[in-house]
C-alpha atoms as a PDB file:
ATOM      1  CA  UNK A   1     -12.765  43.373  15.841  1.00  0.00           C
ATOM      2  CA  UNK A   2     -13.481  43.622  19.563  1.00  0.00           C
ATOM      3  CA  UNK A   3     -10.575  44.064  21.938  1.00  0.00           C
ATOM      4  CA  UNK A   4     -10.086  42.270  25.251  1.00  0.00           C
ATOM      5  CA  UNK A   5      -7.912  43.894  27.916  1.00  0.00           C
ATOM      6  CA  UNK A   6      -6.322  41.827  30.662  1.00  0.00           C
ATOM      7  CA  UNK A   7      -5.197  43.755  33.756  1.00  0.00           C
ATOM      8  CA  UNK A   8      -2.701  42.025  36.058  1.00  0.00           C
ATOM      9  CA  UNK A   9      -1.683  43.754  39.327  1.00  0.00           C
ATOM     10  CA  UNK A  10       1.601  42.541  40.746  1.00  0.00           C
ATOM     11  CA  UNK A  11       3.922  43.068  43.681  1.00  0.00           C
ATOM     12  CA  UNK A  12       7.073  40.987  44.164  1.00  0.00           C
ATOM     13  CA  UNK A  13       5.999  38.427  41.566  1.00  0.00           C
ATOM     14  CA  UNK A  14       9.348  37.706  39.895  1.00  0.00           C
ATOM     15  CA  UNK A  15       8.572  33.985  39.745  1.00  0.00           C
ATOM     16  CA  UNK A  16       5.143  34.477  38.208  1.00  0.00           C
ATOM     17  CA  UNK A  17       5.157  37.367  35.716  1.00  0.00           C
ATOM     18  CA  UNK A  18       6.795  35.452  32.835  1.00  0.00           C
ATOM     19  CA  UNK A  19       4.657  32.280  33.209  1.00  0.00           C
ATOM     20  CA  UNK A  20       1.562  34.477  33.602  1.00  0.00           C
ATOM     21  CA  UNK A  21       2.296  36.477  30.459  1.00  0.00           C
ATOM     22  CA  UNK A  22       2.940  33.276  28.484  1.00  0.00           C
ATOM     23  CA  UNK A  23      -0.239  31.641  29.770  1.00  0.00           C
ATOM     24  CA  UNK A  24      -2.354  34.709  28.977  1.00  0.00           C
ATOM     25  CA  UNK A  25      -0.949  35.069  25.456  1.00  0.00           C
ATOM     26  CA  UNK A  26      -1.513  31.362  24.790  1.00  0.00           C
ATOM     27  CA  UNK A  27      -5.108  31.623  26.046  1.00  0.00           C
ATOM     28  CA  UNK A  28      -5.901  34.761  24.066  1.00  0.00           C
ATOM     29  CA  UNK A  29      -4.396  33.397  20.863  1.00  0.00           C
ATOM     30  CA  UNK A  30      -6.971  30.602  21.058  1.00  0.00           C
ATOM     31  CA  UNK A  31      -9.542  33.369  20.546  1.00  0.00           C
ATOM     32  CA  UNK A  32      -8.463  34.810  17.146  1.00  0.00           C
ATOM     33  CA  UNK A  33     -11.748  36.648  16.690  1.00  0.00           C
ATOM     34  CA  UNK A  34     -10.597  39.137  19.367  1.00  0.00           C
ATOM     35  CA  UNK A  35      -7.727  41.583  19.551  1.00  0.00           C
ATOM     36  CA  UNK A  36      -6.086  41.890  22.950  1.00  0.00           C
ATOM     37  CA  UNK A  37      -3.814  43.847  25.259  1.00  0.00           C
ATOM     38  CA  UNK A  38      -2.257  42.777  28.553  1.00  0.00           C
ATOM     39  CA  UNK A  39      -1.472  45.396  31.171  1.00  0.00           C
ATOM     40  CA  UNK A  40       0.753  44.650  34.159  1.00  0.00           C
ATOM     41  CA  UNK A  41       0.680  47.302  36.891  1.00  0.00           C
ATOM     42  CA  UNK A  42       3.537  46.914  39.352  1.00  0.00           C
ATOM     43  CA  UNK A  43       3.067  48.334  42.836  1.00  0.00           C
ATOM     44  CA  UNK A  44       6.758  49.153  43.432  1.00  0.00           C
ATOM     45  CA  UNK A  45       8.130  45.604  43.666  1.00  0.00           C
ATOM     46  CA  UNK A  46      11.364  45.107  45.606  1.00  0.00           C
ATOM     47  CA  UNK A  47      12.567  42.070  43.623  1.00  0.00           C
ATOM     48  CA  UNK A  48      13.328  41.603  39.897  1.00  0.00           C
ATOM     49  CA  UNK A  49       9.701  41.852  38.777  1.00  0.00           C
ATOM     50  CA  UNK A  50      10.267  45.096  36.899  1.00  0.00           C
ATOM     51  CA  UNK A  51      13.300  43.856  34.991  1.00  0.00           C
ATOM     52  CA  UNK A  52      11.331  40.837  33.830  1.00  0.00           C
ATOM     53  CA  UNK A  53       8.360  42.991  32.860  1.00  0.00           C
ATOM     54  CA  UNK A  54      10.624  45.173  30.712  1.00  0.00           C
ATOM     55  CA  UNK A  55      11.862  42.081  28.895  1.00  0.00           C
ATOM     56  CA  UNK A  56       8.311  40.799  28.410  1.00  0.00           C
ATOM     57  CA  UNK A  57       7.130  44.137  27.009  1.00  0.00           C
ATOM     58  CA  UNK A  58      10.123  44.321  24.651  1.00  0.00           C
ATOM     59  CA  UNK A  59       9.158  40.978  23.156  1.00  0.00           C
ATOM     60  CA  UNK A  60       5.441  41.728  22.681  1.00  0.00           C
ATOM     61  CA  UNK A  61       4.075  45.213  21.984  1.00  0.00           C
ATOM     62  CA  UNK A  62       0.598  44.112  23.035  1.00  0.00           C
ATOM     63  CA  UNK A  63       1.886  43.728  26.580  1.00  0.00           C
ATOM     64  CA  UNK A  64       2.074  46.979  28.530  1.00  0.00           C
ATOM     65  CA  UNK A  65       3.366  47.892  31.953  1.00  0.00           C
ATOM     66  CA  UNK A  66       2.875  50.658  34.490  1.00  0.00           C
ATOM     67  CA  UNK A  67       5.364  51.072  37.333  1.00  0.00           C
ATOM     68  CA  UNK A  68       4.121  52.925  40.417  1.00  0.00           C
ATOM     69  CA  UNK A  69       6.537  55.231  42.209  1.00  0.00           C
ATOM     70  CA  UNK A  70       5.723  53.517  45.530  1.00  0.00           C
ATOM     71  CA  UNK A  71       3.362  50.952  46.998  1.00  0.00           C
ATOM     72  CA  UNK A  72      -0.108  52.506  46.980  1.00  0.00           C
ATOM     73  CA  UNK A  73      -1.905  49.538  48.501  1.00  0.00           C
ATOM     74  CA  UNK A  74      -3.857  46.541  47.334  1.00  0.00           C
ATOM     75  CA  UNK A  75      -6.920  48.528  46.204  1.00  0.00           C
ATOM     76  CA  UNK A  76      -5.655  51.714  44.552  1.00  0.00           C
ATOM     77  CA  UNK A  77      -3.161  50.088  42.195  1.00  0.00           C
ATOM     78  CA  UNK A  78      -5.527  47.523  40.589  1.00  0.00           C
ATOM     79  CA  UNK A  79      -8.269  50.141  40.349  1.00  0.00           C
ATOM     80  CA  UNK A  80      -5.907  52.526  38.553  1.00  0.00           C
ATOM     81  CA  UNK A  81      -4.853  49.684  36.255  1.00  0.00           C
ATOM     82  CA  UNK A  82      -8.462  48.998  35.268  1.00  0.00           C
ATOM     83  CA  UNK A  83      -8.913  52.659  34.377  1.00  0.00           C
ATOM     84  CA  UNK A  84      -5.884  52.599  32.040  1.00  0.00           C
ATOM     85  CA  UNK A  85      -7.124  49.775  29.812  1.00  0.00           C
ATOM     86  CA  UNK A  86      -8.486  50.450  26.310  1.00  0.00           C
ATOM     87  CA  UNK A  87     -10.409  47.282  25.421  1.00  0.00           C
ATOM     88  CA  UNK A  88     -14.119  46.760  24.849  1.00  0.00           C
ATOM     89  CA  UNK A  89     -13.976  44.767  28.070  1.00  0.00           C
ATOM     90  CA  UNK A  90     -11.359  44.342  30.786  1.00  0.00           C
ATOM     91  CA  UNK A  91     -10.608  41.188  32.781  1.00  0.00           C
ATOM     92  CA  UNK A  92      -8.780  41.489  36.096  1.00  0.00           C
ATOM     93  CA  UNK A  93      -6.507  38.543  36.944  1.00  0.00           C
ATOM     94  CA  UNK A  94      -4.138  38.081  39.878  1.00  0.00           C
ATOM     95  CA  UNK A  95      -0.532  37.329  38.991  1.00  0.00           C
ATOM     96  CA  UNK A  96      -0.194  34.363  41.355  1.00  0.00           C
ATOM     97  CA  UNK A  97      -2.399  31.997  39.265  1.00  0.00           C
ATOM     98  CA  UNK A  98      -5.032  31.722  41.998  1.00  0.00           C
ATOM     99  CA  UNK A  99      -7.474  33.190  39.483  1.00  0.00           C
ATOM    100  CA  UNK A 100      -7.781  30.494  36.777  1.00  0.00           C
ATOM    101  CA  UNK A 101      -7.153  32.030  33.352  1.00  0.00           C
ATOM    102  CA  UNK A 102      -9.157  29.169  31.847  1.00  0.00           C
ATOM    103  CA  UNK A 103     -12.208  31.167  32.964  1.00  0.00           C
ATOM    104  CA  UNK A 104     -11.484  33.928  30.419  1.00  0.00           C
ATOM    105  CA  UNK A 105     -13.470  32.320  27.540  1.00  0.00           C
ATOM    106  CA  UNK A 106     -16.391  31.709  29.914  1.00  0.00           C
ATOM    107  CA  UNK A 107     -16.360  35.353  31.034  1.00  0.00           C
ATOM    108  CA  UNK A 108     -16.268  36.552  27.428  1.00  0.00           C
ATOM    109  CA  UNK A 109     -19.098  34.191  26.497  1.00  0.00           C
ATOM    110  CA  UNK A 110     -21.332  35.663  29.213  1.00  0.00           C
ATOM    111  CA  UNK A 111     -20.292  39.179  28.181  1.00  0.00           C
ATOM    112  CA  UNK A 112     -21.341  38.474  24.600  1.00  0.00           C
ATOM    113  CA  UNK A 113     -24.766  37.482  25.942  1.00  0.00           C
ATOM    114  CA  UNK A 114     -25.198  41.042  27.155  1.00  0.00           C
ATOM    115  CA  UNK A 115     -23.884  41.021  30.729  1.00  0.00           C
ATOM    116  CA  UNK A 116     -21.878  44.150  31.536  1.00  0.00           C
ATOM    117  CA  UNK A 117     -20.072  42.570  34.492  1.00  0.00           C
ATOM    118  CA  UNK A 118     -19.129  38.938  34.991  1.00  0.00           C
ATOM    119  CA  UNK A 119     -17.927  38.170  38.528  1.00  0.00           C
ATOM    120  CA  UNK A 120     -15.870  35.138  39.441  1.00  0.00           C
ATOM    121  CA  UNK A 121     -17.225  33.751  42.711  1.00  0.00           C
ATOM    122  CA  UNK A 122     -15.243  31.212  44.738  1.00  0.00           C
ATOM    123  CA  UNK A 123     -17.289  28.175  45.725  1.00  0.00           C
ATOM    124  CA  UNK A 124     -14.245  26.460  47.216  1.00  0.00           C
ATOM    125  CA  UNK A 125     -10.551  27.068  47.630  1.00  0.00           C
ATOM    126  CA  UNK A 126      -7.334  25.105  47.864  1.00  0.00           C
ATOM    127  CA  UNK A 127      -5.994  27.650  50.330  1.00  0.00           C
ATOM    128  CA  UNK A 128      -6.156  27.118  54.089  1.00  0.00           C
ATOM    129  CA  UNK A 129      -9.569  25.804  55.130  1.00  0.00           C
ATOM    130  CA  UNK A 130      -9.426  27.998  58.228  1.00  0.00           C
ATOM    131  CA  UNK A 131      -8.762  31.099  56.121  1.00  0.00           C
ATOM    132  CA  UNK A 132     -11.575  30.205  53.735  1.00  0.00           C
ATOM    133  CA  UNK A 133     -13.941  29.713  56.678  1.00  0.00           C
ATOM    134  CA  UNK A 134     -12.942  33.077  58.178  1.00  0.00           C
ATOM    135  CA  UNK A 135     -13.481  34.755  54.821  1.00  0.00           C
ATOM    136  CA  UNK A 136     -16.923  33.158  54.607  1.00  0.00           C
ATOM    137  CA  UNK A 137     -17.847  34.590  58.007  1.00  0.00           C
ATOM    138  CA  UNK A 138     -16.581  38.018  56.945  1.00  0.00           C
ATOM    139  CA  UNK A 139     -18.557  38.002  53.688  1.00  0.00           C
ATOM    140  CA  UNK A 140     -21.753  36.963  55.440  1.00  0.00           C
ATOM    141  CA  UNK A 141     -21.256  39.659  58.075  1.00  0.00           C
ATOM    142  CA  UNK A 142     -20.594  42.467  55.591  1.00  0.00           C
ATOM    143  CA  UNK A 143     -23.506  41.285  53.454  1.00  0.00           C
ATOM    144  CA  UNK A 144     -25.852  41.401  56.428  1.00  0.00           C
ATOM    145  CA  UNK A 145     -24.682  44.784  57.700  1.00  0.00           C
ATOM    146  CA  UNK A 146     -24.201  46.573  54.383  1.00  0.00           C
ATOM    147  CA  UNK A 147     -26.783  48.895  52.890  1.00  0.00           C
ATOM    148  CA  UNK A 148     -25.740  47.457  49.483  1.00  0.00           C
ATOM    149  CA  UNK A 149     -26.269  43.814  48.456  1.00  0.00           C
ATOM    150  CA  UNK A 150     -22.680  42.529  48.559  1.00  0.00           C
ATOM    151  CA  UNK A 151     -21.338  39.615  46.491  1.00  0.00           C
ATOM    152  CA  UNK A 152     -19.950  36.814  48.637  1.00  0.00           C
ATOM    153  CA  UNK A 153     -16.483  35.445  47.807  1.00  0.00           C
ATOM    154  CA  UNK A 154     -15.929  37.958  45.022  1.00  0.00           C
ATOM    155  CA  UNK A 155     -12.384  39.331  45.138  1.00  0.00           C
ATOM    156  CA  UNK A 156     -12.351  41.397  41.946  1.00  0.00           C
ATOM    157  CA  UNK A 157     -11.600  38.554  39.523  1.00  0.00           C
ATOM    158  CA  UNK A 158     -13.990  39.096  36.659  1.00  0.00           C
ATOM    159  CA  UNK A 159     -14.858  40.910  33.434  1.00  0.00           C
ATOM    160  CA  UNK A 160     -15.926  44.554  33.198  1.00  0.00           C
ATOM    161  CA  UNK A 161     -17.476  46.140  30.128  1.00  0.00           C
ATOM    162  CA  UNK A 162     -15.885  49.377  28.891  1.00  0.00           C
ATOM    163  CA  UNK A 163     -19.041  51.284  29.890  1.00  0.00           C
ATOM    164  CA  UNK A 164     -18.463  50.270  33.514  1.00  0.00           C
ATOM    165  CA  UNK A 165     -14.749  51.101  33.228  1.00  0.00           C
ATOM    166  CA  UNK A 166     -15.858  54.596  32.188  1.00  0.00           C
ATOM    167  CA  UNK A 167     -17.945  54.758  35.373  1.00  0.00           C
ATOM    168  CA  UNK A 168     -14.867  53.829  37.432  1.00  0.00           C
ATOM    169  CA  UNK A 169     -12.840  56.581  35.742  1.00  0.00           C
ATOM    170  CA  UNK A 170     -15.419  59.215  36.669  1.00  0.00           C
ATOM    171  CA  UNK A 171     -15.913  58.270  40.326  1.00  0.00           C
ATOM    172  CA  UNK A 172     -12.929  60.148  41.699  1.00  0.00           C
ATOM    173  CA  UNK A 173     -12.858  58.027  44.854  1.00  0.00           C
ATOM    174  CA  UNK A 174      -9.418  58.287  46.554  1.00  0.00           C
ATOM    175  CA  UNK A 175      -9.991  55.055  48.489  1.00  0.00           C
ATOM    176  CA  UNK A 176     -11.947  52.803  46.119  1.00  0.00           C
ATOM    177  CA  UNK A 177     -13.299  49.463  47.270  1.00  0.00           C
ATOM    178  CA  UNK A 178     -13.933  47.759  43.924  1.00  0.00           C
ATOM    179  CA  UNK A 179     -15.988  44.854  45.275  1.00  0.00           C
ATOM    180  CA  UNK A 180     -18.430  47.234  46.906  1.00  0.00           C
ATOM    181  CA  UNK A 181     -18.528  49.544  43.880  1.00  0.00           C
ATOM    182  CA  UNK A 182     -19.381  46.598  41.624  1.00  0.00           C
ATOM    183  CA  UNK A 183     -22.192  45.524  43.961  1.00  0.00           C
ATOM    184  CA  UNK A 184     -23.496  49.079  44.307  1.00  0.00           C
ATOM    185  CA  UNK A 185     -23.199  50.427  40.744  1.00  0.00           C
ATOM    186  CA  UNK A 186     -22.655  47.408  38.524  1.00  0.00           C
ATOM    187  CA  UNK A 187     -25.335  46.897  35.854  1.00  0.00           C
ATOM    188  CA  UNK A 188     -26.514  43.458  34.743  1.00  0.00           C
ATOM    189  CA  UNK A 189     -24.126  41.266  36.755  1.00  0.00           C
ATOM    190  CA  UNK A 190     -23.520  37.578  36.042  1.00  0.00           C
ATOM    191  CA  UNK A 191     -21.964  35.367  38.710  1.00  0.00           C
ATOM    192  CA  UNK A 192     -19.711  32.526  37.523  1.00  0.00           C
ATOM    193  CA  UNK A 193     -18.483  29.980  40.045  1.00  0.00           C
ATOM    194  CA  UNK A 194     -14.933  28.619  40.204  1.00  0.00           C
ATOM    195  CA  UNK A 195     -12.514  26.899  42.563  1.00  0.00           C
ATOM    196  CA  UNK A 196      -9.596  29.009  43.724  1.00  0.00           C
ATOM    197  CA  UNK A 197      -6.250  27.363  43.039  1.00  0.00           C
ATOM    198  CA  UNK A 198      -3.189  27.445  45.246  1.00  0.00           C
ATOM    199  CA  UNK A 199      -0.591  30.124  44.654  1.00  0.00           C
ATOM    200  CA  UNK A 200       1.817  28.943  41.930  1.00  0.00           C
ATOM    201  CA  UNK A 201       5.017  30.419  43.403  1.00  0.00           C
ATOM    202  CA  UNK A 202       6.271  33.149  45.684  1.00  0.00           C
ATOM    203  CA  UNK A 203       4.828  34.405  48.936  1.00  0.00           C
ATOM    204  CA  UNK A 204       1.633  36.364  49.354  1.00  0.00           C
ATOM    205  CA  UNK A 205       1.988  39.960  50.513  1.00  0.00           C
ATOM    206  CA  UNK A 206      -1.236  39.691  52.511  1.00  0.00           C
ATOM    207  CA  UNK A 207      -0.905  39.681  56.280  1.00  0.00           C
ATOM    208  CA  UNK A 208      -3.085  40.471  59.268  1.00  0.00           C
ATOM    209  CA  UNK A 209      -2.758  44.230  58.776  1.00  0.00           C
ATOM    210  CA  UNK A 210      -3.541  44.223  55.038  1.00  0.00           C
ATOM    211  CA  UNK A 211      -6.543  41.966  55.605  1.00  0.00           C
ATOM    212  CA  UNK A 212      -7.657  44.190  58.476  1.00  0.00           C
ATOM    213  CA  UNK A 213      -7.364  47.249  56.225  1.00  0.00           C
ATOM    214  CA  UNK A 214      -9.505  45.499  53.611  1.00  0.00           C
ATOM    215  CA  UNK A 215     -12.141  44.592  56.165  1.00  0.00           C
ATOM    216  CA  UNK A 216     -12.228  48.095  57.665  1.00  0.00           C
ATOM    217  CA  UNK A 217     -12.449  49.720  54.222  1.00  0.00           C
ATOM    218  CA  UNK A 218     -15.471  47.610  53.384  1.00  0.00           C
ATOM    219  CA  UNK A 219     -17.118  48.318  56.746  1.00  0.00           C
ATOM    220  CA  UNK A 220     -16.519  52.077  56.657  1.00  0.00           C
ATOM    221  CA  UNK A 221     -17.490  52.361  52.977  1.00  0.00           C
ATOM    222  CA  UNK A 222     -20.693  50.355  53.051  1.00  0.00           C
ATOM    223  CA  UNK A 223     -21.890  50.135  56.636  1.00  0.00           C
ATOM    224  CA  UNK A 224     -22.569  52.515  59.515  1.00  0.00           C
ATOM    225  CA  UNK A 225     -22.207  49.839  62.145  1.00  0.00           C
ATOM    226  CA  UNK A 226     -19.144  51.366  63.852  1.00  0.00           C
ATOM    227  CA  UNK A 227     -20.457  54.842  64.497  1.00  0.00           C
ATOM    228  CA  UNK A 228     -23.951  53.560  65.175  1.00  0.00           C
ATOM    229  CA  UNK A 229     -22.627  51.193  67.845  1.00  0.00           C
ATOM    230  CA  UNK A 230     -20.748  54.081  69.443  1.00  0.00           C
ATOM    231  CA  UNK A 231     -23.884  56.222  69.428  1.00  0.00           C
ATOM    232  CA  UNK A 232     -26.158  53.488  70.788  1.00  0.00           C
ATOM    233  CA  UNK A 233     -23.638  52.403  73.410  1.00  0.00           C
ATOM    234  CA  UNK A 234     -23.183  56.006  74.496  1.00  0.00           C
ATOM    235  CA  UNK A 235     -26.941  56.496  74.856  1.00  0.00           C
ATOM    236  CA  UNK A 236     -27.246  53.215  76.750  1.00  0.00           C
ATOM    237  CA  UNK A 237     -24.465  54.198  79.163  1.00  0.00           C
ATOM    238  CA  UNK A 238     -25.961  57.638  79.714  1.00  0.00           C
ATOM    239  CA  UNK A 239     -29.426  56.238  80.322  1.00  0.00           C
ATOM    240  CA  UNK A 240     -28.083  53.532  82.606  1.00  0.00           C
ATOM    241  CA  UNK A 241     -26.089  55.994  84.665  1.00  0.00           C
ATOM    242  CA  UNK A 242     -29.111  58.286  85.090  1.00  0.00           C
ATOM    243  CA  UNK A 243     -31.274  55.365  86.274  1.00  0.00           C
ATOM    244  CA  UNK A 244     -28.468  54.230  88.586  1.00  0.00           C
ATOM    245  CA  UNK A 245     -28.216  57.722  90.023  1.00  0.00           C
ATOM    246  CA  UNK A 246     -31.926  57.745  90.810  1.00  0.00           C
ATOM    247  CA  UNK A 247     -31.669  54.322  92.477  1.00  0.00           C
ATOM    248  CA  UNK A 248     -28.627  55.419  94.496  1.00  0.00           C
ATOM    249  CA  UNK A 249     -30.419  58.585  95.623  1.00  0.00           C
ATOM    250  CA  UNK A 250     -33.381  56.563  96.842  1.00  0.00           C
ATOM    251  CA  UNK A 251     -31.100  54.099  98.672  1.00  0.00           C
ATOM    252  CA  UNK A 252     -29.172  56.952 100.244  1.00  0.00           C
ATOM    253  CA  UNK A 253     -32.361  58.538 101.476  1.00  0.00           C
ATOM    254  CA  UNK A 254     -33.461  55.214 102.979  1.00  0.00           C
ATOM    255  CA  UNK A 255     -30.152  54.490 104.718  1.00  0.00           C
ATOM    256  CA  UNK A 256     -27.256  56.949 104.189  1.00  0.00           C
ATOM    257  CA  UNK A 257     -24.550  54.691 105.687  1.00  0.00           C
ATOM    258  CA  UNK A 258     -25.299  51.140 104.565  1.00  0.00           C
ATOM    259  CA  UNK A 259     -25.124  50.954 100.775  1.00  0.00           C
ATOM    260  CA  UNK A 260     -22.152  53.109  99.640  1.00  0.00           C
ATOM    261  CA  UNK A 261     -19.147  54.784 101.154  1.00  0.00           C
ATOM    262  CA  UNK A 262     -19.629  58.538 101.151  1.00  0.00           C
ATOM    263  CA  UNK A 263     -18.606  60.040  97.768  1.00  0.00           C
ATOM    264  CA  UNK A 264     -17.941  56.778  95.882  1.00  0.00           C
ATOM    265  CA  UNK A 265     -21.230  56.494  94.037  1.00  0.00           C
ATOM    266  CA  UNK A 266     -21.259  60.073  92.658  1.00  0.00           C
ATOM    267  CA  UNK A 267     -17.712  59.701  91.310  1.00  0.00           C
ATOM    268  CA  UNK A 268     -18.450  56.397  89.558  1.00  0.00           C
ATOM    269  CA  UNK A 269     -21.747  57.613  88.125  1.00  0.00           C
ATOM    270  CA  UNK A 270     -20.314  60.915  86.940  1.00  0.00           C
ATOM    271  CA  UNK A 271     -17.404  59.139  85.226  1.00  0.00           C
ATOM    272  CA  UNK A 272     -19.722  56.701  83.429  1.00  0.00           C
ATOM    273  CA  UNK A 273     -22.105  59.484  82.457  1.00  0.00           C
ATOM    274  CA  UNK A 274     -19.390  61.744  81.031  1.00  0.00           C
ATOM    275  CA  UNK A 275     -17.758  58.772  79.261  1.00  0.00           C
ATOM    276  CA  UNK A 276     -21.106  57.870  77.741  1.00  0.00           C
ATOM    277  CA  UNK A 277     -21.637  61.446  76.542  1.00  0.00           C
ATOM    278  CA  UNK A 278     -18.186  61.573  74.977  1.00  0.00           C
ATOM    279  CA  UNK A 279     -18.689  58.229  73.232  1.00  0.00           C
ATOM    280  CA  UNK A 280     -22.114  59.313  71.988  1.00  0.00           C
ATOM    281  CA  UNK A 281     -20.846  62.537  70.467  1.00  0.00           C
ATOM    282  CA  UNK A 282     -17.810  60.813  68.946  1.00  0.00           C
ATOM    283  CA  UNK A 283     -20.206  58.491  67.168  1.00  0.00           C
ATOM    284  CA  UNK A 284     -22.419  61.412  66.191  1.00  0.00           C
ATOM    285  CA  UNK A 285     -19.498  63.368  64.734  1.00  0.00           C
ATOM    286  CA  UNK A 286     -18.301  60.170  63.053  1.00  0.00           C
ATOM    287  CA  UNK A 287     -21.499  60.142  61.017  1.00  0.00           C
ATOM    288  CA  UNK A 288     -20.549  63.508  59.545  1.00  0.00           C
ATOM    289  CA  UNK A 289     -16.911  62.570  59.001  1.00  0.00           C
ATOM    290  CA  UNK A 290     -17.881  59.379  57.188  1.00  0.00           C
ATOM    291  CA  UNK A 291     -20.214  61.348  54.932  1.00  0.00           C
ATOM    292  CA  UNK A 292     -17.696  64.127  54.263  1.00  0.00           C
ATOM    293  CA  UNK A 293     -14.674  61.915  53.740  1.00  0.00           C
ATOM    294  CA  UNK A 294     -15.626  60.735  50.248  1.00  0.00           C
ATOM    295  CA  UNK A 295     -16.370  64.311  49.143  1.00  0.00           C
ATOM    296  CA  UNK A 296     -13.370  66.302  50.315  1.00  0.00           C
ATOM    297  CA  UNK A 297     -10.507  63.871  49.579  1.00  0.00           C
ATOM    298  CA  UNK A 298      -9.024  64.424  46.138  1.00  0.00           C
ATOM    299  CA  UNK A 299      -5.680  62.624  46.171  1.00  0.00           C
ATOM    300  CA  UNK A 300      -4.538  60.621  43.120  1.00  0.00           C
ATOM    301  CA  UNK A 301      -4.985  56.857  43.230  1.00  0.00           C
ATOM    302  CA  UNK A 302      -1.318  56.288  42.402  1.00  0.00           C
ATOM    303  CA  UNK A 303       1.689  58.229  41.134  1.00  0.00           C
ATOM    304  CA  UNK A 304       3.252  56.563  38.122  1.00  0.00           C
ATOM    305  CA  UNK A 305       6.996  56.300  37.650  1.00  0.00           C
ATOM    306  CA  UNK A 306       7.154  54.713  34.199  1.00  0.00           C
ATOM    307  CA  UNK A 307       4.993  53.437  31.354  1.00  0.00           C
ATOM    308  CA  UNK A 308       5.994  50.869  28.750  1.00  0.00           C
ATOM    309  CA  UNK A 309       4.383  50.301  25.314  1.00  0.00           C
ATOM    310  CA  UNK A 310       1.913  53.171  25.707  1.00  0.00           C
ATOM    311  CA  UNK A 311       2.686  54.627  22.270  1.00  0.00           C
END
């Protein structure tokens, strides 16, 4: 009998963990041809989420929990959770019910057809229209700039075959960006469309800074636009200052007293030239740092505090 793993990352989800566990169990019990496990990974919640998870795990041995010792961010914790599952496939679902669990049978159906990864792609959302529009702009931008063909409106909600989970375990990336990894390394991907629901209860932990971190991680992991802009801008400033210096020299030779006050032009041009050189070499060094960063960092994704039902 094949086994389906459900991985649910959570942080301050005291109002959602019990309804989510009940909904998942009810959905999976409609699929008696499969065994299952449900893994909640808690990213150091500050409310009663952990107490409720302990009670849930005590009532059902197929439900497991991992408690992180601190908050390791919105990418590391879910990634670590995926790597701890034991099923023939793993489905990642958010705890706030914005990822419809009714999609699970559809994901499994596509998986049985031979697809190793089934990605849930949002075609619409009941969240803020402004936020959805901004996300659309972001996805189109990262898709255009990235060296890898990115998947628009894919947030990680989807099914991953155990062979791909093994790939994730072996990567050793201390700052994994799952969406990019799926697009870059994922074999035989199927896209399944869905409408994102509103959050059932509680308050999202996302804010400007967390969204900015997500955007910067995707840009620095899969594009070179930042350092390339610095390099090109530096070269442009240097070239422009050299041309300006030549023009100023000619004008000074024509009429030394009309065009510039004595000493002003050299100071301005020297400042721009040196600034351009500094910016150019910062961008140039950034190319090396970006390349080295993924190779020399070897920190753990998370540090676990407790495990439940991992007998």
